[in-house]
Amino acid sequence: MTAMRRALEFLFTRALRSRLGVALVIAVLVLGVIGAARLISGPTDPADGLSSRPNQPITTVDPTAGDDGVLSTETPPSPVTRSGARTPEQTAERFATAWLGRPGMTAEEWQAGMRPLSTPTLIEKLDGAEPATVPAEKVAGPPSMRERTDSFVEMLLPLDAGQLRLELVASDGEWLVDVVDWERP
């Protein structure tokens, strides 16, 4: 009895109060919980894998819809211009001339020159702009057109100090500049 008493006393006063003893008690508890869970759950088939696994690949795009990428192999439709109205090229050239302005031009004169060639949105954005902030002085070549749709084109005009990019939209066949962007070489 004294040997049993000594063993219990050693266990509770020294072994379980050390780090090693605490780690052993935690390991026994974890293994006990895992063992009990396996006994309660019953036998499992290791080939099951995920229980809610789909039997076919998951697709997020209709595979019969065709190519939805950015680059299209189809040629875009030609821009539509109302008879007697300016073409996108003519509108872009006239806008570029008005945008470049001339020396000594006031802001009001400069904006008045662009107003008939601009959408109301662009007119609003250009409010308060000054002709002195234009970074170029003259057109250096003919415009090149990127057709996007029959009512939206992008025009690139080479200038002496860079390239002017204009986005034109057609409202009832009349082309107006909607976006002005400047690209340095």
N, C-alpha and C. Protein backbone atom coordinates (compact mmCIF):
# COMPACT_ATOMS: atom_id res chain seq x y z
N MET A 1 0.82 -1.17 0.00
CA MET A 1 0.00 0.00 0.00
C MET A 1 0.88 1.25 0.00
N THR A 2 1.93 1.18 0.67
CA THR A 2 2.81 2.35 0.69
C THR A 2 3.45 2.58 -0.67
N ALA A 3 3.69 1.54 -1.42
CA ALA A 3 4.26 1.72 -2.76
C ALA A 3 3.23 2.39 -3.68
N MET A 4 1.97 1.98 -3.53
CA MET A 4 0.91 2.59 -4.34
C MET A 4 0.72 4.05 -3.93
N ARG A 5 0.78 4.29 -2.64
CA ARG A 5 0.61 5.64 -2.14
C ARG A 5 1.75 6.53 -2.63
N ARG A 6 2.96 6.00 -2.60
CA ARG A 6 4.11 6.76 -3.07
C ARG A 6 4.01 7.05 -4.57
N ALA A 7 3.53 6.10 -5.35
CA ALA A 7 3.38 6.28 -6.80
C ALA A 7 2.36 7.38 -7.10
N LEU A 8 1.22 7.36 -6.41
CA LEU A 8 0.20 8.38 -6.60
C LEU A 8 0.70 9.75 -6.15
N GLU A 9 1.40 9.77 -5.03
CA GLU A 9 1.95 11.03 -4.54
C GLU A 9 2.95 11.60 -5.53
N PHE A 10 3.82 10.76 -6.08
CA PHE A 10 4.80 11.20 -7.08
C PHE A 10 4.09 11.73 -8.33
N LEU A 11 3.04 11.01 -8.74
CA LEU A 11 2.31 11.40 -9.94
C LEU A 11 1.67 12.78 -9.78
N PHE A 12 0.98 13.02 -8.68
CA PHE A 12 0.25 14.28 -8.49
C PHE A 12 1.12 15.44 -8.00
N THR A 13 2.19 15.19 -7.32
CA THR A 13 3.00 16.29 -6.80
C THR A 13 4.15 16.67 -7.70
N ARG A 14 4.66 15.74 -8.48
CA ARG A 14 5.83 16.07 -9.29
C ARG A 14 5.58 15.92 -10.80
N ALA A 15 5.10 14.79 -11.24
CA ALA A 15 5.01 14.52 -12.68
C ALA A 15 3.96 15.40 -13.36
N LEU A 16 2.77 15.53 -12.77
CA LEU A 16 1.72 16.31 -13.42
C LEU A 16 1.93 17.81 -13.29
N ARG A 17 2.81 18.22 -12.42
CA ARG A 17 3.09 19.65 -12.27
C ARG A 17 4.22 20.11 -13.19
N SER A 18 4.86 19.22 -13.85
CA SER A 18 5.93 19.59 -14.78
C SER A 18 5.35 19.80 -16.18
N ARG A 19 6.10 20.42 -17.07
CA ARG A 19 5.64 20.66 -18.44
C ARG A 19 5.45 19.35 -19.18
N LEU A 20 6.31 18.44 -18.98
CA LEU A 20 6.21 17.15 -19.63
C LEU A 20 4.94 16.43 -19.20
N GLY A 21 4.61 16.49 -17.95
CA GLY A 21 3.40 15.84 -17.45
C GLY A 21 2.15 16.47 -18.04
N VAL A 22 2.11 17.80 -18.13
CA VAL A 22 0.96 18.48 -18.70
C VAL A 22 0.82 18.13 -20.17
N ALA A 23 1.94 18.07 -20.90
CA ALA A 23 1.90 17.71 -22.32
C ALA A 23 1.38 16.30 -22.50
N LEU A 24 1.78 15.38 -21.64
CA LEU A 24 1.29 13.99 -21.73
C LEU A 24 -0.21 13.92 -21.45
N VAL A 25 -0.69 14.66 -20.49
CA VAL A 25 -2.12 14.66 -20.17
C VAL A 25 -2.92 15.22 -21.36
N ILE A 26 -2.45 16.30 -21.97
CA ILE A 26 -3.14 16.88 -23.13
C ILE A 26 -3.15 15.90 -24.29
N ALA A 27 -2.03 15.23 -24.55
CA ALA A 27 -1.95 14.25 -25.64
C ALA A 27 -2.93 13.11 -25.42
N VAL A 28 -3.02 12.62 -24.17
CA VAL A 28 -3.96 11.52 -23.87
C VAL A 28 -5.40 11.99 -24.08
N LEU A 29 -5.72 13.22 -23.68
CA LEU A 29 -7.07 13.73 -23.89
C LEU A 29 -7.40 13.88 -25.37
N VAL A 30 -6.49 14.40 -26.18
CA VAL A 30 -6.73 14.58 -27.61
C VAL A 30 -6.92 13.22 -28.28
N LEU A 31 -6.06 12.30 -27.99
CA LEU A 31 -6.20 10.96 -28.58
C LEU A 31 -7.50 10.30 -28.13
N GLY A 32 -7.90 10.53 -26.93
CA GLY A 32 -9.17 9.97 -26.44
C GLY A 32 -10.36 10.55 -27.19
N VAL A 33 -10.37 11.86 -27.42
CA VAL A 33 -11.47 12.50 -28.15
C VAL A 33 -11.50 12.00 -29.59
N ILE A 34 -10.36 11.92 -30.25
CA ILE A 34 -10.31 11.43 -31.64
C ILE A 34 -10.78 9.99 -31.71
N GLY A 35 -10.32 9.16 -30.80
CA GLY A 35 -10.73 7.76 -30.78
C GLY A 35 -12.23 7.62 -30.56
N ALA A 36 -12.78 8.39 -29.65
CA ALA A 36 -14.22 8.33 -29.38
C ALA A 36 -15.01 8.79 -30.60
N ALA A 37 -14.54 9.81 -31.28
CA ALA A 37 -15.23 10.31 -32.47
C ALA A 37 -15.23 9.27 -33.57
N ARG A 38 -14.14 8.57 -33.75
CA ARG A 38 -14.07 7.52 -34.78
C ARG A 38 -14.98 6.35 -34.43
N LEU A 39 -15.06 6.03 -33.17
CA LEU A 39 -15.93 4.93 -32.76
C LEU A 39 -17.40 5.29 -32.99
N ILE A 40 -17.75 6.52 -32.70
CA ILE A 40 -19.15 6.95 -32.84
C ILE A 40 -19.53 7.10 -34.31
N SER A 41 -18.62 7.63 -35.16
CA SER A 41 -18.96 7.88 -36.56
C SER A 41 -19.06 6.62 -37.39
N GLY A 42 -18.46 5.59 -37.02
CA GLY A 42 -18.53 4.33 -37.75
C GLY A 42 -17.47 4.27 -38.84
N PRO A 43 -17.51 3.19 -39.64
CA PRO A 43 -16.49 3.02 -40.69
C PRO A 43 -16.73 4.00 -41.84
N THR A 44 -15.63 4.49 -42.46
CA THR A 44 -15.72 5.40 -43.60
C THR A 44 -14.95 4.83 -44.76
N ASP A 45 -15.36 5.23 -45.97
CA ASP A 45 -14.67 4.81 -47.18
C ASP A 45 -13.64 5.89 -47.52
N PRO A 46 -12.35 5.57 -47.57
CA PRO A 46 -11.35 6.60 -47.87
C PRO A 46 -11.44 7.13 -49.29
N ALA A 47 -12.15 6.47 -50.19
CA ALA A 47 -12.29 6.93 -51.57
C ALA A 47 -13.36 8.00 -51.72
N ASP A 48 -14.15 8.26 -50.67
CA ASP A 48 -15.22 9.24 -50.76
C ASP A 48 -14.71 10.65 -51.03
N GLY A 49 -13.65 11.07 -50.40
CA GLY A 49 -13.12 12.43 -50.57
C GLY A 49 -14.11 13.45 -50.04
N LEU A 50 -14.35 14.49 -50.83
CA LEU A 50 -15.32 15.51 -50.42
C LEU A 50 -16.73 14.94 -50.53
N SER A 51 -17.52 15.17 -49.53
CA SER A 51 -18.86 14.61 -49.54
C SER A 51 -19.79 15.34 -50.51
N SER A 52 -19.53 16.61 -50.80
CA SER A 52 -20.40 17.36 -51.70
C SER A 52 -19.71 17.66 -53.02
N ARG A 53 -18.81 16.79 -53.43
CA ARG A 53 -18.05 16.99 -54.66
C ARG A 53 -18.98 16.88 -55.87
N PRO A 54 -18.92 17.85 -56.83
CA PRO A 54 -19.76 17.76 -58.03
C PRO A 54 -19.25 16.65 -58.95
N ASN A 55 -20.14 16.09 -59.75
CA ASN A 55 -19.72 15.02 -60.64
C ASN A 55 -19.23 15.54 -61.99
N GLN A 56 -19.40 16.87 -62.28
CA GLN A 56 -18.88 17.49 -63.49
C GLN A 56 -18.18 18.78 -63.12
N PRO A 57 -17.29 19.28 -64.00
CA PRO A 57 -16.61 20.55 -63.70
C PRO A 57 -17.60 21.70 -63.55
N ILE A 58 -17.26 22.64 -62.70
CA ILE A 58 -18.10 23.82 -62.49
C ILE A 58 -17.72 24.85 -63.55
N THR A 59 -18.69 25.33 -64.31
CA THR A 59 -18.44 26.37 -65.32
C THR A 59 -19.20 27.62 -64.93
N THR A 60 -18.56 28.76 -65.16
CA THR A 60 -19.20 30.03 -64.85
C THR A 60 -19.62 30.79 -66.10
N VAL A 61 -19.27 30.26 -67.27
CA VAL A 61 -19.60 30.89 -68.54
C VAL A 61 -20.30 29.85 -69.40
N ASP A 62 -21.30 30.28 -70.13
CA ASP A 62 -22.00 29.38 -71.04
C ASP A 62 -21.02 28.96 -72.14
N PRO A 63 -20.70 27.67 -72.25
CA PRO A 63 -19.71 27.24 -73.24
C PRO A 63 -20.18 27.41 -74.68
N THR A 64 -21.48 27.61 -74.90
CA THR A 64 -21.98 27.79 -76.26
C THR A 64 -22.09 29.27 -76.64
N ALA A 65 -21.71 30.18 -75.73
CA ALA A 65 -21.88 31.61 -75.98
C ALA A 65 -20.83 32.17 -76.93
N GLY A 66 -19.76 31.46 -77.19
CA GLY A 66 -18.72 31.96 -78.09
C GLY A 66 -17.63 32.66 -77.32
N ASP A 67 -16.78 33.36 -78.07
CA ASP A 67 -15.63 34.03 -77.47
C ASP A 67 -16.07 35.32 -76.80
N ASP A 68 -15.78 35.44 -75.50
CA ASP A 68 -16.14 36.65 -74.77
C ASP A 68 -14.90 37.44 -74.38
N GLY A 69 -13.79 37.19 -75.04
CA GLY A 69 -12.54 37.86 -74.71
C GLY A 69 -12.52 39.30 -75.19
N VAL A 70 -11.49 40.02 -74.78
CA VAL A 70 -11.33 41.43 -75.13
C VAL A 70 -11.01 41.57 -76.61
N LEU A 71 -10.16 40.68 -77.11
CA LEU A 71 -9.78 40.75 -78.51
C LEU A 71 -10.81 40.01 -79.34
N SER A 72 -11.36 40.69 -80.30
CA SER A 72 -12.39 40.10 -81.14
C SER A 72 -11.83 39.86 -82.54
N THR A 73 -12.23 38.76 -83.13
CA THR A 73 -11.79 38.46 -84.49
C THR A 73 -12.73 39.08 -85.52
N GLU A 74 -13.88 39.52 -85.08
CA GLU A 74 -14.83 40.15 -85.99
C GLU A 74 -14.41 41.60 -86.25
N THR A 75 -14.65 42.05 -87.48
CA THR A 75 -14.37 43.45 -87.79
C THR A 75 -15.50 44.30 -87.24
N PRO A 76 -15.17 45.40 -86.58
CA PRO A 76 -16.24 46.24 -86.03
C PRO A 76 -17.03 46.89 -87.15
N PRO A 77 -18.28 47.22 -86.87
CA PRO A 77 -19.09 47.86 -87.91
C PRO A 77 -18.56 49.25 -88.24
N SER A 78 -18.74 49.66 -89.47
CA SER A 78 -18.29 50.99 -89.90
C SER A 78 -19.14 52.06 -89.24
N PRO A 79 -18.53 53.19 -88.91
CA PRO A 79 -19.28 54.28 -88.29
C PRO A 79 -20.37 54.80 -89.24
N VAL A 80 -21.50 55.12 -88.66
CA VAL A 80 -22.63 55.62 -89.44
C VAL A 80 -22.69 57.14 -89.29
N THR A 81 -22.73 57.81 -90.42
CA THR A 81 -22.81 59.27 -90.44
C THR A 81 -24.06 59.68 -91.21
N ARG A 82 -24.79 60.61 -90.64
CA ARG A 82 -25.99 61.13 -91.31
C ARG A 82 -25.54 61.90 -92.56
N SER A 83 -26.32 61.83 -93.62
CA SER A 83 -25.94 62.52 -94.86
C SER A 83 -25.85 64.03 -94.61
N GLY A 84 -24.77 64.61 -95.09
CA GLY A 84 -24.54 66.05 -94.91
C GLY A 84 -23.84 66.39 -93.60
N ALA A 85 -23.67 65.42 -92.69
CA ALA A 85 -23.01 65.68 -91.40
C ALA A 85 -21.51 65.40 -91.52
N ARG A 86 -20.75 65.88 -90.55
CA ARG A 86 -19.30 65.66 -90.54
C ARG A 86 -18.99 64.18 -90.27
N THR A 87 -17.93 63.68 -90.89
CA THR A 87 -17.45 62.33 -90.60
C THR A 87 -16.66 62.37 -89.30
N PRO A 88 -16.35 61.23 -88.69
CA PRO A 88 -15.53 61.25 -87.48
C PRO A 88 -14.16 61.90 -87.71
N GLU A 89 -13.57 61.65 -88.87
CA GLU A 89 -12.26 62.24 -89.17
C GLU A 89 -12.34 63.76 -89.23
N GLN A 90 -13.38 64.29 -89.91
CA GLN A 90 -13.54 65.74 -90.00
C GLN A 90 -13.78 66.36 -88.63
N THR A 91 -14.60 65.70 -87.82
CA THR A 91 -14.88 66.20 -86.47
C THR A 91 -13.60 66.22 -85.64
N ALA A 92 -12.81 65.14 -85.72
CA ALA A 92 -11.57 65.06 -84.95
C ALA A 92 -10.58 66.14 -85.38
N GLU A 93 -10.42 66.35 -86.69
CA GLU A 93 -9.48 67.37 -87.18
C GLU A 93 -9.92 68.78 -86.75
N ARG A 94 -11.22 69.07 -86.86
CA ARG A 94 -11.71 70.39 -86.44
C ARG A 94 -11.57 70.58 -84.93
N PHE A 95 -11.86 69.53 -84.17
CA PHE A 95 -11.71 69.63 -82.71
C PHE A 95 -10.25 69.85 -82.35
N ALA A 96 -9.33 69.11 -82.99
CA ALA A 96 -7.90 69.25 -82.68
C ALA A 96 -7.43 70.67 -82.97
N THR A 97 -7.89 71.23 -84.08
CA THR A 97 -7.52 72.63 -84.41
C THR A 97 -8.05 73.58 -83.34
N ALA A 98 -9.31 73.38 -82.92
CA ALA A 98 -9.89 74.25 -81.88
C ALA A 98 -9.20 74.03 -80.55
N TRP A 99 -8.82 72.79 -80.24
CA TRP A 99 -8.17 72.47 -78.97
C TRP A 99 -6.78 73.08 -78.89
N LEU A 100 -6.06 73.06 -80.02
CA LEU A 100 -4.73 73.66 -80.03
C LEU A 100 -4.80 75.18 -79.89
N GLY A 101 -5.87 75.78 -80.41
CA GLY A 101 -6.07 77.23 -80.26
C GLY A 101 -5.05 78.04 -81.04
N ARG A 102 -4.94 79.29 -80.66
CA ARG A 102 -3.96 80.19 -81.27
C ARG A 102 -3.42 81.11 -80.17
N PRO A 103 -2.26 81.70 -80.38
CA PRO A 103 -1.68 82.58 -79.35
C PRO A 103 -2.60 83.75 -79.03
N GLY A 104 -2.70 84.09 -77.77
CA GLY A 104 -3.49 85.22 -77.31
C GLY A 104 -4.97 84.95 -77.19
N MET A 105 -5.39 83.73 -77.38
CA MET A 105 -6.81 83.38 -77.31
C MET A 105 -7.26 83.33 -75.85
N THR A 106 -8.44 83.86 -75.58
CA THR A 106 -8.98 83.80 -74.22
C THR A 106 -9.62 82.44 -73.99
N ALA A 107 -9.85 82.11 -72.74
CA ALA A 107 -10.47 80.83 -72.39
C ALA A 107 -11.88 80.73 -72.95
N GLU A 108 -12.60 81.83 -72.96
CA GLU A 108 -13.97 81.83 -73.49
C GLU A 108 -13.98 81.56 -74.99
N GLU A 109 -13.07 82.20 -75.73
CA GLU A 109 -12.97 81.96 -77.17
C GLU A 109 -12.56 80.51 -77.46
N TRP A 110 -11.63 80.02 -76.67
CA TRP A 110 -11.13 78.65 -76.85
C TRP A 110 -12.25 77.64 -76.63
N GLN A 111 -12.99 77.80 -75.55
CA GLN A 111 -14.09 76.87 -75.26
C GLN A 111 -15.23 77.03 -76.27
N ALA A 112 -15.48 78.23 -76.74
CA ALA A 112 -16.53 78.45 -77.75
C ALA A 112 -16.19 77.74 -79.05
N GLY A 113 -14.91 77.64 -79.39
CA GLY A 113 -14.49 76.93 -80.60
C GLY A 113 -14.69 75.43 -80.50
N MET A 114 -14.60 74.87 -79.30
CA MET A 114 -14.77 73.43 -79.11
C MET A 114 -16.22 73.04 -78.83
N ARG A 115 -17.03 73.99 -78.38
CA ARG A 115 -18.41 73.69 -77.95
C ARG A 115 -19.25 72.99 -79.02
N PRO A 116 -19.28 73.43 -80.29
CA PRO A 116 -20.14 72.76 -81.27
C PRO A 116 -19.65 71.36 -81.65
N LEU A 117 -18.44 71.01 -81.27
CA LEU A 117 -17.86 69.71 -81.61
C LEU A 117 -17.83 68.76 -80.42
N SER A 118 -18.35 69.19 -79.26
CA SER A 118 -18.25 68.43 -78.01
C SER A 118 -19.61 68.02 -77.48
N THR A 119 -19.60 66.92 -76.71
CA THR A 119 -20.82 66.51 -76.01
C THR A 119 -21.01 67.41 -74.79
N PRO A 120 -22.22 67.50 -74.25
CA PRO A 120 -22.43 68.30 -73.04
C PRO A 120 -21.54 67.84 -71.88
N THR A 121 -21.26 66.55 -71.80
CA THR A 121 -20.39 66.03 -70.73
C THR A 121 -18.99 66.61 -70.85
N LEU A 122 -18.44 66.63 -72.06
CA LEU A 122 -17.10 67.17 -72.26
C LEU A 122 -17.08 68.67 -72.03
N ILE A 123 -18.10 69.37 -72.48
CA ILE A 123 -18.17 70.83 -72.26
C ILE A 123 -18.11 71.12 -70.76
N GLU A 124 -18.82 70.32 -69.98
CA GLU A 124 -18.82 70.50 -68.52
C GLU A 124 -17.44 70.22 -67.93
N LYS A 125 -16.77 69.19 -68.44
CA LYS A 125 -15.43 68.85 -67.93
C LYS A 125 -14.40 69.91 -68.29
N LEU A 126 -14.56 70.55 -69.45
CA LEU A 126 -13.60 71.56 -69.89
C LEU A 126 -13.84 72.93 -69.26
N ASP A 127 -14.94 73.07 -68.53
CA ASP A 127 -15.24 74.35 -67.89
C ASP A 127 -14.11 74.72 -66.93
N GLY A 128 -13.55 75.87 -67.10
CA GLY A 128 -12.46 76.33 -66.24
C GLY A 128 -11.08 76.00 -66.79
N ALA A 129 -11.00 75.21 -67.86
CA ALA A 129 -9.70 74.90 -68.46
C ALA A 129 -9.18 76.10 -69.23
N GLU A 130 -7.89 76.19 -69.38
CA GLU A 130 -7.24 77.31 -70.05
C GLU A 130 -6.51 76.82 -71.30
N PRO A 131 -6.49 77.59 -72.39
CA PRO A 131 -5.77 77.17 -73.60
C PRO A 131 -4.26 77.10 -73.39
N ALA A 132 -3.75 77.80 -72.39
CA ALA A 132 -2.31 77.76 -72.12
C ALA A 132 -1.86 76.40 -71.60
N THR A 133 -2.80 75.58 -71.12
CA THR A 133 -2.43 74.26 -70.58
C THR A 133 -2.30 73.19 -71.66
N VAL A 134 -2.62 73.52 -72.91
CA VAL A 134 -2.50 72.54 -74.01
C VAL A 134 -1.01 72.31 -74.27
N PRO A 135 -0.56 71.05 -74.23
CA PRO A 135 0.87 70.76 -74.30
C PRO A 135 1.45 70.69 -75.72
N ALA A 136 0.69 71.03 -76.75
CA ALA A 136 1.19 70.95 -78.12
C ALA A 136 0.82 72.23 -78.88
N GLU A 137 1.40 72.37 -80.09
CA GLU A 137 1.15 73.57 -80.86
C GLU A 137 0.55 73.31 -82.23
N LYS A 138 0.82 72.13 -82.83
CA LYS A 138 0.29 71.88 -84.17
C LYS A 138 0.09 70.39 -84.41
N VAL A 139 -0.79 70.09 -85.37
CA VAL A 139 -1.05 68.71 -85.79
C VAL A 139 0.09 68.28 -86.70
N ALA A 140 0.60 67.05 -86.46
CA ALA A 140 1.77 66.58 -87.20
C ALA A 140 1.43 65.52 -88.24
N GLY A 141 0.17 65.16 -88.40
CA GLY A 141 -0.18 64.15 -89.39
C GLY A 141 -1.66 63.88 -89.40
N PRO A 142 -2.10 63.01 -90.30
CA PRO A 142 -3.54 62.71 -90.39
C PRO A 142 -4.00 61.83 -89.22
N PRO A 143 -5.27 61.91 -88.89
CA PRO A 143 -5.78 61.08 -87.79
C PRO A 143 -5.92 59.62 -88.22
N SER A 144 -5.80 58.74 -87.25
CA SER A 144 -6.09 57.33 -87.50
C SER A 144 -7.28 56.94 -86.64
N MET A 145 -8.15 56.12 -87.22
CA MET A 145 -9.41 55.80 -86.54
C MET A 145 -9.42 54.34 -86.11
N ARG A 146 -9.87 54.11 -84.88
CA ARG A 146 -10.14 52.76 -84.37
C ARG A 146 -11.66 52.65 -84.22
N GLU A 147 -12.26 51.87 -85.07
CA GLU A 147 -13.71 51.72 -85.02
C GLU A 147 -14.08 50.75 -83.90
N ARG A 148 -14.93 51.17 -83.00
CA ARG A 148 -15.37 50.32 -81.90
C ARG A 148 -16.78 49.79 -82.17
N THR A 149 -17.71 50.68 -82.46
CA THR A 149 -19.07 50.30 -82.86
C THR A 149 -19.49 51.25 -83.95
N ASP A 150 -20.73 51.14 -84.41
CA ASP A 150 -21.19 52.05 -85.46
C ASP A 150 -21.46 53.46 -84.93
N SER A 151 -21.46 53.63 -83.60
CA SER A 151 -21.69 54.96 -83.02
C SER A 151 -20.60 55.37 -82.02
N PHE A 152 -19.46 54.67 -82.04
CA PHE A 152 -18.36 55.00 -81.13
C PHE A 152 -17.04 54.69 -81.82
N VAL A 153 -16.17 55.70 -81.93
CA VAL A 153 -14.85 55.51 -82.52
C VAL A 153 -13.81 56.20 -81.64
N GLU A 154 -12.58 55.75 -81.81
CA GLU A 154 -11.45 56.37 -81.12
C GLU A 154 -10.53 56.92 -82.21
N MET A 155 -10.19 58.19 -82.10
CA MET A 155 -9.32 58.84 -83.08
C MET A 155 -7.99 59.17 -82.42
N LEU A 156 -6.90 58.87 -83.13
CA LEU A 156 -5.56 59.20 -82.66
C LEU A 156 -4.97 60.20 -83.63
N LEU A 157 -4.60 61.39 -83.10
CA LEU A 157 -4.03 62.45 -83.92
C LEU A 157 -2.60 62.72 -83.47
N PRO A 158 -1.63 62.53 -84.35
CA PRO A 158 -0.25 62.85 -83.97
C PRO A 158 -0.05 64.37 -83.93
N LEU A 159 0.52 64.82 -82.85
CA LEU A 159 0.81 66.25 -82.69
C LEU A 159 2.32 66.43 -82.56
N ASP A 160 2.77 67.67 -82.55
CA ASP A 160 4.20 67.93 -82.50
C ASP A 160 4.84 67.48 -81.18
N ALA A 161 4.08 67.35 -80.10
CA ALA A 161 4.65 66.98 -78.81
C ALA A 161 3.99 65.75 -78.20
N GLY A 162 3.36 64.92 -79.02
CA GLY A 162 2.71 63.73 -78.47
C GLY A 162 1.56 63.29 -79.36
N GLN A 163 0.57 62.71 -78.73
CA GLN A 163 -0.57 62.19 -79.48
C GLN A 163 -1.85 62.55 -78.75
N LEU A 164 -2.82 63.04 -79.50
CA LEU A 164 -4.13 63.40 -78.97
C LEU A 164 -5.07 62.23 -79.23
N ARG A 165 -5.69 61.72 -78.17
CA ARG A 165 -6.64 60.62 -78.31
C ARG A 165 -8.03 61.17 -78.02
N LEU A 166 -8.91 61.02 -79.00
CA LEU A 166 -10.28 61.51 -78.87
C LEU A 166 -11.23 60.32 -78.99
N GLU A 167 -12.24 60.30 -78.13
CA GLU A 167 -13.31 59.33 -78.26
C GLU A 167 -14.53 60.09 -78.75
N LEU A 168 -15.06 59.64 -79.89
CA LEU A 168 -16.20 60.30 -80.51
C LEU A 168 -17.42 59.39 -80.44
N VAL A 169 -18.57 60.00 -80.18
CA VAL A 169 -19.83 59.28 -80.16
C VAL A 169 -20.77 59.94 -81.16
N ALA A 170 -21.63 59.11 -81.74
CA ALA A 170 -22.58 59.63 -82.72
C ALA A 170 -23.97 59.63 -82.09
N SER A 171 -24.58 60.79 -82.12
CA SER A 171 -25.96 60.92 -81.67
C SER A 171 -26.77 61.33 -82.90
N ASP A 172 -27.63 60.44 -83.36
CA ASP A 172 -28.42 60.67 -84.58
C ASP A 172 -27.52 60.93 -85.79
N GLY A 173 -26.38 60.25 -85.86
CA GLY A 173 -25.49 60.37 -87.01
C GLY A 173 -24.57 61.57 -86.98
N GLU A 174 -24.65 62.40 -85.94
CA GLU A 174 -23.76 63.57 -85.81
C GLU A 174 -22.66 63.23 -84.80
N TRP A 175 -21.41 63.32 -85.24
CA TRP A 175 -20.27 62.92 -84.41
C TRP A 175 -19.83 64.07 -83.51
N LEU A 176 -19.67 63.75 -82.20
CA LEU A 176 -19.20 64.72 -81.21
C LEU A 176 -18.10 64.09 -80.37
N VAL A 177 -17.16 64.91 -79.94
CA VAL A 177 -16.06 64.43 -79.08
C VAL A 177 -16.59 64.31 -77.66
N ASP A 178 -16.35 63.14 -77.05
CA ASP A 178 -16.82 62.90 -75.68
C ASP A 178 -15.67 62.83 -74.68
N VAL A 179 -14.48 62.40 -75.14
CA VAL A 179 -13.33 62.26 -74.24
C VAL A 179 -12.09 62.79 -74.94
N VAL A 180 -11.29 63.55 -74.21
CA VAL A 180 -10.01 64.06 -74.72
C VAL A 180 -8.92 63.50 -73.80
N ASP A 181 -7.91 62.90 -74.41
CA ASP A 181 -6.79 62.37 -73.62
C ASP A 181 -5.50 62.71 -74.36
N TRP A 182 -4.46 62.94 -73.58
CA TRP A 182 -3.17 63.34 -74.13
C TRP A 182 -2.15 62.27 -73.79
N GLU A 183 -1.41 61.83 -74.80
CA GLU A 183 -0.37 60.81 -74.58
C GLU A 183 0.97 61.38 -75.04
N ARG A 184 1.93 61.35 -74.13
CA ARG A 184 3.28 61.81 -74.49
C ARG A 184 4.03 60.66 -75.16
N PRO A 185 4.98 61.00 -76.06
CA PRO A 185 5.73 59.92 -76.74
C PRO A 185 6.66 59.19 -75.80
